[in-house]
C-alpha atoms as a PDB file:
ATOM      1  CA  MET A   1     110.989  76.787 125.823  1.00  0.00           C
ATOM      2  CA  ASN A   2     107.197  76.989 125.935  1.00  0.00           C
ATOM      3  CA  LYS A   3     105.883  75.023 122.999  1.00  0.00           C
ATOM      4  CA  THR A   4     102.231  75.420 124.041  1.00  0.00           C
ATOM      5  CA  ALA A   5     102.404  79.211 124.158  1.00  0.00           C
ATOM      6  CA  ALA A   6     104.287  79.302 120.834  1.00  0.00           C
ATOM      7  CA  THR A   7     101.600  77.174 119.195  1.00  0.00           C
ATOM      8  CA  GLU A   8      98.867  79.419 120.576  1.00  0.00           C
ATOM      9  CA  TRP A   9     100.582  82.578 119.327  1.00  0.00           C
ATOM     10  CA  LEU A  10     100.974  80.985 115.880  1.00  0.00           C
ATOM     11  CA  ALA A  11      97.292  80.049 115.794  1.00  0.00           C
ATOM     12  CA  HIS A  12      96.334  83.650 116.607  1.00  0.00           C
ATOM     13  CA  SER A  13      98.758  84.917 113.959  1.00  0.00           C
ATOM     14  CA  TYR A  14      97.289  82.554 111.342  1.00  0.00           C
ATOM     15  CA  HIS A  15      93.781  83.715 112.253  1.00  0.00           C
ATOM     16  CA  ASP A  16      94.769  87.380 111.781  1.00  0.00           C
ATOM     17  CA  LEU A  17      96.494  86.575 108.497  1.00  0.00           C
ATOM     18  CA  ASN A  18      93.335  84.877 107.175  1.00  0.00           C
ATOM     19  CA  GLY A  19      91.253  87.891 108.211  1.00  0.00           C
ATOM     20  CA  ALA A  20      93.571  90.213 106.342  1.00  0.00           C
ATOM     21  CA  ILE A  21      93.385  88.014 103.229  1.00  0.00           C
ATOM     22  CA  LEU A  22      89.615  88.015 103.349  1.00  0.00           C
ATOM     23  CA  LEU A  23      89.556  91.805 103.648  1.00  0.00           C
ATOM     24  CA  TYR A  24      92.006  92.164 100.783  1.00  0.00           C
ATOM     25  CA  GLU A  25      90.032  89.841  98.519  1.00  0.00           C
ATOM     26  CA  ALA A  26      86.880  91.838  99.241  1.00  0.00           C
ATOM     27  CA  SER A  27      88.703  95.134  98.565  1.00  0.00           C
ATOM     28  CA  HIS A  28      87.905  96.505 101.998  1.00  0.00           C
ATOM     29  CA  PHE A  29      89.651  99.060 104.194  1.00  0.00           C
ATOM     30  CA  THR A  30      93.367  98.987 103.340  1.00  0.00           C
ATOM     31  CA  ASP A  31      94.195 100.658 106.684  1.00  0.00           C
ATOM     32  CA  THR A  32      92.503  97.834 108.536  1.00  0.00           C
ATOM     33  CA  ILE A  33      94.305  95.245 106.393  1.00  0.00           C
ATOM     34  CA  SER A  34      97.664  96.764 107.254  1.00  0.00           C
ATOM     35  CA  TYR A  35      96.794  96.880 110.951  1.00  0.00           C
ATOM     36  CA  VAL A  36      95.686  93.217 110.974  1.00  0.00           C
ATOM     37  CA  LEU A  37      98.854  92.180 109.066  1.00  0.00           C
ATOM     38  CA  HIS A  38     100.969  94.063 111.606  1.00  0.00           C
ATOM     39  CA  GLN A  39      99.238  92.178 114.394  1.00  0.00           C
ATOM     40  CA  SER A  40      99.832  88.871 112.643  1.00  0.00           C
ATOM     41  CA  ILE A  41     103.546  89.623 112.297  1.00  0.00           C
ATOM     42  CA  GLU A  42     103.819  90.632 115.965  1.00  0.00           C
ATOM     43  CA  LYS A  43     102.118  87.441 117.057  1.00  0.00           C
ATOM     44  CA  SER A  44     104.418  85.368 114.857  1.00  0.00           C
ATOM     45  CA  LEU A  45     107.430  87.017 116.491  1.00  0.00           C
ATOM     46  CA  LYS A  46     105.991  86.415 119.916  1.00  0.00           C
ATOM     47  CA  SER A  47     105.697  82.754 119.083  1.00  0.00           C
ATOM     48  CA  LEU A  48     109.368  82.658 118.257  1.00  0.00           C
ATOM     49  CA  ILE A  49     110.207  84.307 121.566  1.00  0.00           C
ATOM     50  CA  ALA A  50     107.964  81.870 123.458  1.00  0.00           C
ATOM     51  CA  PHE A  51     109.532  78.925 121.694  1.00  0.00           C
ATOM     52  CA  THR A  52     113.118  79.864 122.504  1.00  0.00           C
END
């Protein structure tokens, strides 16, 4: 279990999620929003892997 790495991955995931929300609220580039959301999900899953 690597709690530090898991926390870092979650922080990156949260950052990407906030970026996607900002883009969505500004009605910008739906393809970019989907890409950033995909990255956020991947980083969340990586945090689970790092934690276990």
